[in-house]
Structures are given as structure tokens and as C-alpha cells.
C-alpha atoms as a PDB file:
ATOM      1  CA  MET A   1     -23.784  -5.487   2.034  1.00  0.00           C
ATOM      2  CA  LEU A   2     -22.229  -1.910   3.070  1.00  0.00           C
ATOM      3  CA  LYS A   3     -21.127   0.137   0.107  1.00  0.00           C
ATOM      4  CA  VAL A   4     -17.344   1.172  -0.060  1.00  0.00           C
ATOM      5  CA  GLU A   5     -18.010   4.709   1.064  1.00  0.00           C
ATOM      6  CA  GLU A   6     -19.882   3.134   4.127  1.00  0.00           C
ATOM      7  CA  LEU A   7     -16.979   1.030   4.876  1.00  0.00           C
ATOM      8  CA  VAL A   8     -14.523   3.875   4.914  1.00  0.00           C
ATOM      9  CA  ASP A   9     -16.795   5.917   6.958  1.00  0.00           C
ATOM     10  CA  LYS A  10     -16.885   3.318   9.540  1.00  0.00           C
ATOM     11  CA  LEU A  11     -13.108   2.871   9.557  1.00  0.00           C
ATOM     12  CA  ILE A  12     -12.519   6.714  10.103  1.00  0.00           C
ATOM     13  CA  ASP A  13     -14.991   6.572  13.099  1.00  0.00           C
ATOM     14  CA  LEU A  14     -13.448   3.586  14.496  1.00  0.00           C
ATOM     15  CA  ALA A  15      -9.936   5.119  13.826  1.00  0.00           C
ATOM     16  CA  PHE A  16     -10.685   8.400  15.769  1.00  0.00           C
ATOM     17  CA  ALA A  17     -12.300   6.472  18.680  1.00  0.00           C
ATOM     18  CA  GLU A  18      -9.265   4.437  19.406  1.00  0.00           C
ATOM     19  CA  ASP A  19      -6.936   7.502  18.762  1.00  0.00           C
ATOM     20  CA  ILE A  20      -8.698  10.374  20.559  1.00  0.00           C
ATOM     21  CA  GLY A  21     -10.820   8.271  23.053  1.00  0.00           C
ATOM     22  CA  ASP A  22     -12.339  11.013  25.465  1.00  0.00           C
ATOM     23  CA  GLY A  23     -10.113  13.886  24.200  1.00  0.00           C
ATOM     24  CA  ASP A  24      -6.471  14.667  22.828  1.00  0.00           C
ATOM     25  CA  HIS A  25      -5.652  15.986  26.089  1.00  0.00           C
ATOM     26  CA  THR A  26      -1.627  16.883  24.730  1.00  0.00           C
ATOM     27  CA  THR A  27      -3.391  19.297  22.014  1.00  0.00           C
ATOM     28  CA  LEU A  28      -6.176  20.545  24.575  1.00  0.00           C
ATOM     29  CA  CYS A  29      -3.938  21.669  27.070  1.00  0.00           C
ATOM     30  CA  CYS A  30      -1.599  23.738  25.112  1.00  0.00           C
ATOM     31  CA  ILE A  31      -3.264  24.790  21.910  1.00  0.00           C
ATOM     32  CA  PRO A  32      -6.074  27.586  22.224  1.00  0.00           C
ATOM     33  CA  GLU A  33      -9.303  26.872  20.636  1.00  0.00           C
ATOM     34  CA  ASP A  34      -9.423  29.490  18.197  1.00  0.00           C
ATOM     35  CA  ALA A  35      -5.707  29.146  17.227  1.00  0.00           C
ATOM     36  CA  MET A  36      -5.507  28.951  13.161  1.00  0.00           C
ATOM     37  CA  GLY A  37      -2.632  27.532  11.471  1.00  0.00           C
ATOM     38  CA  LYS A  38      -1.396  25.536   8.115  1.00  0.00           C
ATOM     39  CA  SER A  39       0.436  22.095   7.600  1.00  0.00           C
ATOM     40  CA  HIS A  40       1.948  20.765   4.492  1.00  0.00           C
ATOM     41  CA  LEU A  41       2.399  16.798   3.597  1.00  0.00           C
ATOM     42  CA  LEU A  42       6.238  16.538   2.747  1.00  0.00           C
ATOM     43  CA  ILE A  43       7.174  13.252   1.068  1.00  0.00           C
ATOM     44  CA  LYS A  44      10.483  12.029   2.503  1.00  0.00           C
ATOM     45  CA  GLU A  45      10.885   9.098   0.009  1.00  0.00           C
ATOM     46  CA  ASP A  46      10.692   8.381  -3.883  1.00  0.00           C
ATOM     47  CA  GLY A  47       7.318   6.616  -4.584  1.00  0.00           C
ATOM     48  CA  VAL A  48       3.653   6.475  -5.882  1.00  0.00           C
ATOM     49  CA  LEU A  49       1.157   8.531  -3.887  1.00  0.00           C
ATOM     50  CA  ALA A  50      -2.051   7.126  -2.676  1.00  0.00           C
ATOM     51  CA  GLY A  51      -4.774   7.879  -0.351  1.00  0.00           C
ATOM     52  CA  VAL A  52      -5.200  11.374  -1.387  1.00  0.00           C
ATOM     53  CA  GLU A  53      -9.062  11.138  -1.489  1.00  0.00           C
ATOM     54  CA  VAL A  54      -9.314   9.363   1.761  1.00  0.00           C
ATOM     55  CA  ALA A  55      -7.052  11.869   3.628  1.00  0.00           C
ATOM     56  CA  LYS A  56      -9.682  14.238   2.498  1.00  0.00           C
ATOM     57  CA  GLU A  57     -12.401  12.500   3.539  1.00  0.00           C
ATOM     58  CA  VAL A  58     -10.556  12.191   7.042  1.00  0.00           C
ATOM     59  CA  PHE A  59     -10.197  16.347   7.191  1.00  0.00           C
ATOM     60  CA  ARG A  60     -13.645  16.687   6.104  1.00  0.00           C
ATOM     61  CA  ARG A  61     -15.345  14.421   8.662  1.00  0.00           C
ATOM     62  CA  PHE A  62     -13.164  15.925  11.466  1.00  0.00           C
ATOM     63  CA  ASP A  63     -13.747  19.336  10.677  1.00  0.00           C
ATOM     64  CA  PRO A  64     -15.704  20.396   7.841  1.00  0.00           C
ATOM     65  CA  GLN A  65     -14.009  23.975   7.788  1.00  0.00           C
ATOM     66  CA  LEU A  66     -10.436  22.895   7.110  1.00  0.00           C
ATOM     67  CA  LYS A  67      -9.373  23.994   3.841  1.00  0.00           C
ATOM     68  CA  VAL A  68      -7.269  21.263   1.815  1.00  0.00           C
ATOM     69  CA  GLU A  69      -5.114  22.304  -1.187  1.00  0.00           C
ATOM     70  CA  VAL A  70      -4.191  19.111  -3.136  1.00  0.00           C
ATOM     71  CA  LEU A  71      -1.264  19.859  -4.843  1.00  0.00           C
ATOM     72  CA  MET A  72      -0.347  15.898  -5.880  1.00  0.00           C
ATOM     73  CA  GLY A  73      -3.373  13.573  -6.465  1.00  0.00           C
ATOM     74  CA  ASP A  74      -3.439  10.024  -6.306  1.00  0.00           C
ATOM     75  CA  GLY A  75      -1.171   7.821  -8.536  1.00  0.00           C
ATOM     76  CA  THR A  76       1.492  10.680  -8.830  1.00  0.00           C
ATOM     77  CA  ARG A  77       5.180   9.681  -8.648  1.00  0.00           C
ATOM     78  CA  VAL A  78       6.460  11.619  -5.872  1.00  0.00           C
ATOM     79  CA  LYS A  79      10.052  12.468  -4.839  1.00  0.00           C
ATOM     80  CA  LYS A  80      11.513  13.231  -1.671  1.00  0.00           C
ATOM     81  CA  GLY A  81      11.167  16.767  -0.975  1.00  0.00           C
ATOM     82  CA  ASP A  82       7.714  17.071  -2.674  1.00  0.00           C
ATOM     83  CA  ILE A  83       4.733  19.058  -0.944  1.00  0.00           C
ATOM     84  CA  ALA A  84       1.696  16.883  -1.802  1.00  0.00           C
ATOM     85  CA  MET A  85      -1.185  18.940   0.059  1.00  0.00           C
ATOM     86  CA  VAL A  86      -1.386  21.787   2.052  1.00  0.00           C
ATOM     87  CA  VAL A  87      -4.321  22.033   4.821  1.00  0.00           C
ATOM     88  CA  SER A  88      -5.274  25.059   6.645  1.00  0.00           C
ATOM     89  CA  GLY A  89      -7.693  26.066   9.558  1.00  0.00           C
ATOM     90  CA  ARG A  90      -7.830  25.191  13.388  1.00  0.00           C
ATOM     91  CA  VAL A  91      -4.412  23.877  14.740  1.00  0.00           C
ATOM     92  CA  ARG A  92      -6.363  21.642  16.957  1.00  0.00           C
ATOM     93  CA  SER A  93      -8.021  20.025  13.973  1.00  0.00           C
ATOM     94  CA  LEU A  94      -4.749  19.679  12.294  1.00  0.00           C
ATOM     95  CA  LEU A  95      -3.160  17.956  15.306  1.00  0.00           C
ATOM     96  CA  GLN A  96      -5.722  15.647  15.847  1.00  0.00           C
ATOM     97  CA  THR A  97      -6.265  14.426  12.368  1.00  0.00           C
ATOM     98  CA  GLU A  98      -2.333  14.270  11.514  1.00  0.00           C
ATOM     99  CA  ARG A  99      -1.799  10.594  12.596  1.00  0.00           C
ATOM    100  CA  LEU A 100      -4.826   9.009  11.133  1.00  0.00           C
ATOM    101  CA  MET A 101      -4.292  10.726   7.527  1.00  0.00           C
ATOM    102  CA  LEU A 102      -0.533   9.657   7.678  1.00  0.00           C
ATOM    103  CA  ASN A 103      -1.336   5.945   8.643  1.00  0.00           C
ATOM    104  CA  ILE A 104      -3.808   5.912   5.949  1.00  0.00           C
ATOM    105  CA  MET A 105      -1.374   7.717   3.377  1.00  0.00           C
ATOM    106  CA  GLN A 106       1.683   5.963   4.170  1.00  0.00           C
ATOM    107  CA  ARG A 107       0.322   2.305   4.046  1.00  0.00           C
ATOM    108  CA  MET A 108      -1.726   2.991   0.941  1.00  0.00           C
ATOM    109  CA  SER A 109       1.178   4.738  -0.731  1.00  0.00           C
ATOM    110  CA  GLY A 110       3.450   2.101   0.108  1.00  0.00           C
ATOM    111  CA  ILE A 111       1.168  -0.599  -1.568  1.00  0.00           C
ATOM    112  CA  ALA A 112       0.739   1.565  -4.633  1.00  0.00           C
ATOM    113  CA  THR A 113       4.624   1.684  -4.807  1.00  0.00           C
ATOM    114  CA  GLN A 114       5.141  -1.620  -4.398  1.00  0.00           C
ATOM    115  CA  THR A 115       2.704  -2.721  -6.947  1.00  0.00           C
ATOM    116  CA  SER A 116       4.018   0.070  -9.614  1.00  0.00           C
ATOM    117  CA  LYS A 117       7.314  -1.987  -9.353  1.00  0.00           C
ATOM    118  CA  TYR A 118       5.795  -5.473 -10.044  1.00  0.00           C
ATOM    119  CA  VAL A 119       3.368  -3.786 -13.070  1.00  0.00           C
ATOM    120  CA  GLU A 120       6.901  -2.498 -14.539  1.00  0.00           C
ATOM    121  CA  LYS A 121       8.408  -5.765 -14.223  1.00  0.00           C
ATOM    122  CA  LEU A 122       5.694  -7.363 -15.926  1.00  0.00           C
ATOM    123  CA  LYS A 123       5.782  -4.775 -18.713  1.00  0.00           C
ATOM    124  CA  GLY A 124       5.404  -5.987 -22.363  1.00  0.00           C
ATOM    125  CA  THR A 125       4.102  -9.333 -21.188  1.00  0.00           C
ATOM    126  CA  GLY A 126       0.536  -9.130 -21.010  1.00  0.00           C
ATOM    127  CA  THR A 127       0.281 -10.456 -17.744  1.00  0.00           C
ATOM    128  CA  ARG A 128      -1.514  -8.396 -15.012  1.00  0.00           C
ATOM    129  CA  VAL A 129      -0.740  -8.364 -11.365  1.00  0.00           C
ATOM    130  CA  LEU A 130      -3.405  -9.428  -8.639  1.00  0.00           C
ATOM    131  CA  ASP A 131      -3.754  -8.513  -5.193  1.00  0.00           C
ATOM    132  CA  THR A 132      -5.129 -11.314  -2.996  1.00  0.00           C
ATOM    133  CA  ARG A 133      -7.325 -11.402   0.479  1.00  0.00           C
ATOM    134  CA  LYS A 134      -4.179 -10.952   2.489  1.00  0.00           C
ATOM    135  CA  THR A 135      -4.843  -7.727   3.788  1.00  0.00           C
ATOM    136  CA  THR A 136      -5.156  -5.977   6.998  1.00  0.00           C
ATOM    137  CA  PRO A 137      -8.581  -6.569   8.810  1.00  0.00           C
ATOM    138  CA  GLY A 138     -10.724  -3.365   8.115  1.00  0.00           C
ATOM    139  CA  LEU A 139      -8.388  -2.006   5.550  1.00  0.00           C
ATOM    140  CA  ARG A 140      -8.992  -4.286   2.721  1.00  0.00           C
ATOM    141  CA  MET A 141     -10.918  -1.648   0.770  1.00  0.00           C
ATOM    142  CA  LEU A 142      -8.313   0.845   0.998  1.00  0.00           C
ATOM    143  CA  GLU A 143      -5.296  -1.449   0.152  1.00  0.00           C
ATOM    144  CA  LYS A 144      -6.934  -2.902  -2.875  1.00  0.00           C
ATOM    145  CA  ALA A 145      -7.796   0.624  -3.970  1.00  0.00           C
ATOM    146  CA  ALA A 146      -3.986   1.286  -3.500  1.00  0.00           C
ATOM    147  CA  VAL A 147      -3.067  -1.693  -5.406  1.00  0.00           C
ATOM    148  CA  LYS A 148      -5.311  -0.194  -8.532  1.00  0.00           C
ATOM    149  CA  ILE A 149      -3.703   3.264  -7.866  1.00  0.00           C
ATOM    150  CA  GLY A 150      -0.370   1.619  -8.593  1.00  0.00           C
ATOM    151  CA  GLY A 151      -1.413   0.169 -11.698  1.00  0.00           C
ATOM    152  CA  GLY A 152      -2.511  -3.418 -10.473  1.00  0.00           C
ATOM    153  CA  CYS A 153      -5.793  -5.359 -10.844  1.00  0.00           C
ATOM    154  CA  ASN A 154      -8.226  -6.332  -7.962  1.00  0.00           C
ATOM    155  CA  HIS A 155      -8.837 -10.003  -7.520  1.00  0.00           C
ATOM    156  CA  ARG A 156     -12.170 -10.684  -5.406  1.00  0.00           C
ATOM    157  CA  ILE A 157     -12.779  -8.382  -2.852  1.00  0.00           C
ATOM    158  CA  GLY A 158     -14.027 -11.212  -0.780  1.00  0.00           C
ATOM    159  CA  LEU A 159     -15.777 -14.197  -0.094  1.00  0.00           C
ATOM    160  CA  PHE A 160     -19.096 -12.666  -1.683  1.00  0.00           C
ATOM    161  CA  ASP A 161     -18.183 -11.463  -5.088  1.00  0.00           C
ATOM    162  CA  MET A 162     -16.482 -14.584  -6.839  1.00  0.00           C
ATOM    163  CA  ILE A 163     -16.312 -18.464  -6.749  1.00  0.00           C
ATOM    164  CA  LEU A 164     -12.703 -19.614  -5.906  1.00  0.00           C
ATOM    165  CA  LEU A 165     -12.470 -23.387  -5.103  1.00  0.00           C
ATOM    166  CA  LYS A 166      -9.425 -23.859  -3.691  1.00  0.00           C
ATOM    167  CA  ASP A 167      -7.413 -26.855  -2.479  1.00  0.00           C
ATOM    168  CA  ASN A 168      -9.440 -27.530   0.798  1.00  0.00           C
ATOM    169  CA  HIS A 169     -12.771 -26.730  -0.924  1.00  0.00           C
ATOM    170  CA  VAL A 170     -11.955 -29.505  -3.311  1.00  0.00           C
ATOM    171  CA  ASP A 171     -10.738 -32.194  -0.897  1.00  0.00           C
ATOM    172  CA  PHE A 172     -13.589 -31.390   1.518  1.00  0.00           C
ATOM    173  CA  ALA A 173     -16.008 -31.866  -1.535  1.00  0.00           C
ATOM    174  CA  GLY A 174     -14.572 -34.927  -2.371  1.00  0.00           C
ATOM    175  CA  GLY A 175     -12.847 -34.009  -5.609  1.00  0.00           C
ATOM    176  CA  ILE A 176     -12.689 -31.812  -8.477  1.00  0.00           C
ATOM    177  CA  CYS A 177     -16.034 -32.819 -10.158  1.00  0.00           C
ATOM    178  CA  ASN A 178     -17.942 -32.766  -6.916  1.00  0.00           C
ATOM    179  CA  ALA A 179     -16.694 -29.355  -6.357  1.00  0.00           C
ATOM    180  CA  ILE A 180     -17.497 -27.816  -9.701  1.00  0.00           C
ATOM    181  CA  ASP A 181     -21.110 -29.589  -9.694  1.00  0.00           C
ATOM    182  CA  ARG A 182     -22.036 -28.148  -6.450  1.00  0.00           C
ATOM    183  CA  CYS A 183     -20.797 -24.833  -7.144  1.00  0.00           C
ATOM    184  CA  HIS A 184     -23.191 -24.666 -10.287  1.00  0.00           C
ATOM    185  CA  GLU A 185     -26.098 -26.321  -8.139  1.00  0.00           C
ATOM    186  CA  TYR A 186     -25.536 -23.540  -5.406  1.00  0.00           C
ATOM    187  CA  LEU A 187     -25.487 -20.707  -7.973  1.00  0.00           C
ATOM    188  CA  LYS A 188     -28.572 -21.959  -9.981  1.00  0.00           C
ATOM    189  CA  LYS A 189     -30.406 -22.477  -6.521  1.00  0.00           C
ATOM    190  CA  ASN A 190     -29.706 -19.005  -5.410  1.00  0.00           C
ATOM    191  CA  ASN A 191     -30.002 -17.485  -8.633  1.00  0.00           C
ATOM    192  CA  LEU A 192     -26.515 -15.933  -8.418  1.00  0.00           C
ATOM    193  CA  ASP A 193     -24.180 -14.805 -11.288  1.00  0.00           C
ATOM    194  CA  LEU A 194     -20.578 -15.362 -10.167  1.00  0.00           C
ATOM    195  CA  LYS A 195     -17.344 -16.093 -11.885  1.00  0.00           C
ATOM    196  CA  ILE A 196     -15.941 -19.453 -11.148  1.00  0.00           C
ATOM    197  CA  GLU A 197     -12.091 -20.089 -10.629  1.00  0.00           C
ATOM    198  CA  ILE A 198     -10.357 -23.542  -9.422  1.00  0.00           C
ATOM    199  CA  GLU A 199      -7.147 -23.961  -7.896  1.00  0.00           C
ATOM    200  CA  VAL A 200      -5.298 -26.879  -9.518  1.00  0.00           C
ATOM    201  CA  ARG A 201      -2.221 -28.442  -7.827  1.00  0.00           C
ATOM    202  CA  ASN A 202      -0.826 -30.921 -10.512  1.00  0.00           C
ATOM    203  CA  PHE A 203      -1.601 -31.994 -14.148  1.00  0.00           C
ATOM    204  CA  ASP A 204      -3.912 -34.636 -13.043  1.00  0.00           C
ATOM    205  CA  GLU A 205      -6.311 -32.119 -11.433  1.00  0.00           C
ATOM    206  CA  LEU A 206      -6.039 -29.760 -14.563  1.00  0.00           C
ATOM    207  CA  GLN A 207      -6.881 -32.715 -16.828  1.00  0.00           C
ATOM    208  CA  GLN A 208      -9.932 -33.228 -14.657  1.00  0.00           C
ATOM    209  CA  VAL A 209     -11.177 -29.815 -14.898  1.00  0.00           C
ATOM    210  CA  LEU A 210     -10.546 -29.670 -18.745  1.00  0.00           C
ATOM    211  CA  VAL A 211     -12.771 -32.671 -19.041  1.00  0.00           C
ATOM    212  CA  ARG A 212     -15.395 -31.551 -16.663  1.00  0.00           C
ATOM    213  CA  GLY A 213     -15.255 -27.661 -17.788  1.00  0.00           C
ATOM    214  CA  GLY A 214     -17.886 -25.180 -16.211  1.00  0.00           C
ATOM    215  CA  VAL A 215     -15.214 -22.527 -14.963  1.00  0.00           C
ATOM    216  CA  ASP A 216     -13.834 -19.201 -15.866  1.00  0.00           C
ATOM    217  CA  ARG A 217     -10.280 -19.237 -14.643  1.00  0.00           C
ATOM    218  CA  ILE A 218      -7.694 -21.784 -13.463  1.00  0.00           C
ATOM    219  CA  MET A 219      -5.257 -21.295 -10.873  1.00  0.00           C
ATOM    220  CA  LEU A 220      -2.146 -23.109 -11.395  1.00  0.00           C
ATOM    221  CA  ASP A 221      -0.907 -23.137  -7.742  1.00  0.00           C
ATOM    222  CA  ASN A 222       2.852 -23.894  -6.785  1.00  0.00           C
ATOM    223  CA  PHE A 223       3.837 -24.886 -10.317  1.00  0.00           C
ATOM    224  CA  THR A 224       7.250 -24.305 -11.804  1.00  0.00           C
ATOM    225  CA  PRO A 225       7.838 -21.822 -14.485  1.00  0.00           C
ATOM    226  CA  ALA A 226       8.481 -24.945 -16.779  1.00  0.00           C
ATOM    227  CA  ASP A 227       5.366 -26.901 -15.643  1.00  0.00           C
ATOM    228  CA  THR A 228       3.368 -23.194 -15.955  1.00  0.00           C
ATOM    229  CA  ARG A 229       4.456 -23.007 -19.528  1.00  0.00           C
ATOM    230  CA  LYS A 230       3.276 -26.592 -20.264  1.00  0.00           C
ATOM    231  CA  ALA A 231      -0.223 -26.038 -18.534  1.00  0.00           C
ATOM    232  CA  VAL A 232      -0.668 -22.839 -20.599  1.00  0.00           C
ATOM    233  CA  GLU A 233      -0.044 -24.674 -23.605  1.00  0.00           C
ATOM    234  CA  ILE A 234      -2.443 -27.509 -22.534  1.00  0.00           C
ATOM    235  CA  ILE A 235      -5.338 -25.013 -21.614  1.00  0.00           C
ATOM    236  CA  ASP A 236      -4.718 -23.114 -25.074  1.00  0.00           C
ATOM    237  CA  HIS A 237      -6.739 -20.070 -24.152  1.00  0.00           C
ATOM    238  CA  ARG A 238      -9.993 -22.042 -23.435  1.00  0.00           C
ATOM    239  CA  TYR A 239      -9.904 -20.441 -19.814  1.00  0.00           C
ATOM    240  CA  GLU A 240      -8.193 -17.727 -18.205  1.00  0.00           C
ATOM    241  CA  THR A 241      -4.991 -18.871 -16.395  1.00  0.00           C
ATOM    242  CA  GLU A 242      -3.774 -17.494 -13.307  1.00  0.00           C
ATOM    243  CA  SER A 243      -0.248 -18.310 -11.424  1.00  0.00           C
ATOM    244  CA  SER A 244       0.084 -18.194  -7.618  1.00  0.00           C
ATOM    245  CA  GLY A 245       2.173 -19.587  -4.880  1.00  0.00           C
ATOM    246  CA  GLY A 246       5.775 -19.073  -4.379  1.00  0.00           C
ATOM    247  CA  ILE A 247       6.207 -16.408  -6.745  1.00  0.00           C
ATOM    248  CA  THR A 248       8.714 -13.969  -5.920  1.00  0.00           C
ATOM    249  CA  PHE A 249       9.508 -10.407  -7.564  1.00  0.00           C
ATOM    250  CA  ASP A 250      12.658 -12.226  -9.066  1.00  0.00           C
ATOM    251  CA  THR A 251      10.443 -14.792 -10.552  1.00  0.00           C
ATOM    252  CA  LEU A 252       7.754 -12.678 -11.813  1.00  0.00           C
ATOM    253  CA  ARG A 253       8.690 -12.364 -15.241  1.00  0.00           C
ATOM    254  CA  ASP A 254       9.558 -15.873 -15.676  1.00  0.00           C
ATOM    255  CA  TYR A 255       6.289 -16.969 -15.044  1.00  0.00           C
ATOM    256  CA  ALA A 256       4.551 -13.957 -17.198  1.00  0.00           C
ATOM    257  CA  GLU A 257       6.676 -15.148 -19.773  1.00  0.00           C
ATOM    258  CA  CYS A 258       5.012 -18.655 -20.003  1.00  0.00           C
ATOM    259  CA  GLY A 259       2.046 -16.814 -21.288  1.00  0.00           C
ATOM    260  CA  VAL A 260      -0.301 -16.698 -17.814  1.00  0.00           C
ATOM    261  CA  ASP A 261      -3.175 -14.044 -17.761  1.00  0.00           C
ATOM    262  CA  PHE A 262      -2.705 -13.096 -14.112  1.00  0.00           C
ATOM    263  CA  ILE A 263      -0.220 -13.558 -11.224  1.00  0.00           C
ATOM    264  CA  SER A 264      -1.698 -13.132  -7.842  1.00  0.00           C
ATOM    265  CA  VAL A 265       0.792 -11.890  -5.244  1.00  0.00           C
ATOM    266  CA  GLY A 266       0.054 -11.471  -1.472  1.00  0.00           C
ATOM    267  CA  ALA A 267       3.291  -9.512  -0.996  1.00  0.00           C
ATOM    268  CA  LEU A 268       1.378  -6.595  -2.566  1.00  0.00           C
ATOM    269  CA  THR A 269      -0.474  -6.035   0.610  1.00  0.00           C
ATOM    270  CA  HIS A 270       0.622  -8.396   3.301  1.00  0.00           C
ATOM    271  CA  SER A 271       4.174  -7.160   4.045  1.00  0.00           C
ATOM    272  CA  VAL A 272       4.508  -3.829   2.640  1.00  0.00           C
ATOM    273  CA  LYS A 273       6.591  -1.002   4.184  1.00  0.00           C
ATOM    274  CA  GLY A 274       4.799   2.512   4.247  1.00  0.00           C
ATOM    275  CA  LEU A 275       6.002   5.249   2.376  1.00  0.00           C
ATOM    276  CA  ASP A 276       7.691   7.882   4.665  1.00  0.00           C
ATOM    277  CA  MET A 277       6.134  11.361   4.825  1.00  0.00           C
ATOM    278  CA  SER A 278       5.229  13.940   7.678  1.00  0.00           C
ATOM    279  CA  PHE A 279       2.788  16.388   8.385  1.00  0.00           C
ATOM    280  CA  LYS A 280       4.487  19.613   9.371  1.00  0.00           C
ATOM    281  CA  ALA A 281       3.517  23.277  10.299  1.00  0.00           C
ATOM    282  CA  CYS A 282       4.555  25.476   7.774  1.00  0.00           C
END
């Protein structure tokens, strides 16, 4: 399995390939090869900054001689008009790295900003907000890193680092008990040590899980706040609890006040507006 650093390297390579192709002919035709200059990252909207470390890697990979002065790091609350970094070196390099750097930082900063709002909404409840696998293909590691920068928590990274028995798994397996039993057989056979979470859709399925046991976390899928409170009382801290499905920013705290440990929110990553910023000559 590729490490995070290797995945980011592959992403940068692909991004440059799709953007520059056989050459940035606009820059090459009008900017002398030896021209030197400086650009700054201008923040145009209030939010939480994310992607600074990745941006530094973009600059380094394209032109190791670019000098990056970071004025505001990942996790900084920024305001319109702030200057987050200054980059100096070959003008051609500044122009050719501009869009990739901005695409990454705007996307990551938008996610971090969104996440921070959810975290603030949960303040004082003890409930933590989780991301999901509803991410942009190829950008998952960056998007999940942005969630953490914004104060949220990562759920599983992919299908490989946790068992999550969802409704379709349960139905195809022939029920709750079959799904859990087969899960344990598989883990034992393959000498794997993975946490097990199971999704329940109603109180009957919840009761089956409580009788069978053998899981680490129970996901309460599409439960109302009233039913969530009742389910949390029934579980009584025997397992971690997670609320998921149909939860909006407006109803977030209602679920948290039911006592669940986690709330998973696809909206942290799947439909976020990027934070507005630009990279201008200075």
C-alpha cells in the first residue's frame, strides 16, 4: 500500500501532466527564461487556512530553487486581505505552479473552514465530527488532512483500514449475526487486527447486535434525535456510538445532545466551496 507521501507525489505528477502537458506556451512565449520575480498568496475570504505544507511540496517538486516564506501556517484563522506566503524565484516557475497550488489550497481551506464550523457547533457536547469516504477521487488524503486541520476527526481512510458492515453488507450476508460472524472468521483467517463497526437501521437490528456482540462501534443510521437518545441509553456505553444519515448543520447539535460519540458528515468534503484566494505578483 502506498504511503501518504507517495500518494501526494503521484497526485502532483498527474496534476502537472494534465495542466502543463507539453509546455505552458503562454508563459514560454512572453517570459524570459532568466526573469526573476516574487508573488504572494492573498487571502480574499475569512476562513481556516489549509494546504500550506502541500503547497510547499508543489513548489519544491517543480523548482527546488523557489524560495517560500510562510507567513501563516496550516490551521491559522485568516481574514480577507491577509498575506499567507511569499514565493520568489523564476517567474516562469511562479506562473506554472500558480494554479495547482491554488486548486489544492482553496479546496483544502474550504474543507478546513467548513469543518471548523461543525466543530464549533458541537462545542461542549463531547461529540466529535467525522468525515466519510465521500471525497474527490485521488484527493482523499488531502481532503481528510484538511478535515483534521479544521478540528475534525478522520473516519476510516478507505476500505482497507477498518471493517464497516453497512446495510448492503448485512443484507447480502443474510443478516446481522451472519455478517458479524463472517467478519470475525475473516479477520482470524487473515491475521488482521481491525476495528469493527456495524450500521443498524432500527431497534430490532440494534438488539441483534447487542445480543451478538463482537463489534467496537454501532452506527445509528437515519435515526431521529428522539430514537437516537433512546438507542444511546440502551447501548449504555458498551460500544462507541455514531450517528449518520440525513444530519444537517442545523440538526447537528440535536444529535450530539443525545450523547453519541461521533457524528459522520459527508458534507465536510463532498460539496464544499473553496476558500477564495489568489497568487499575485508583488
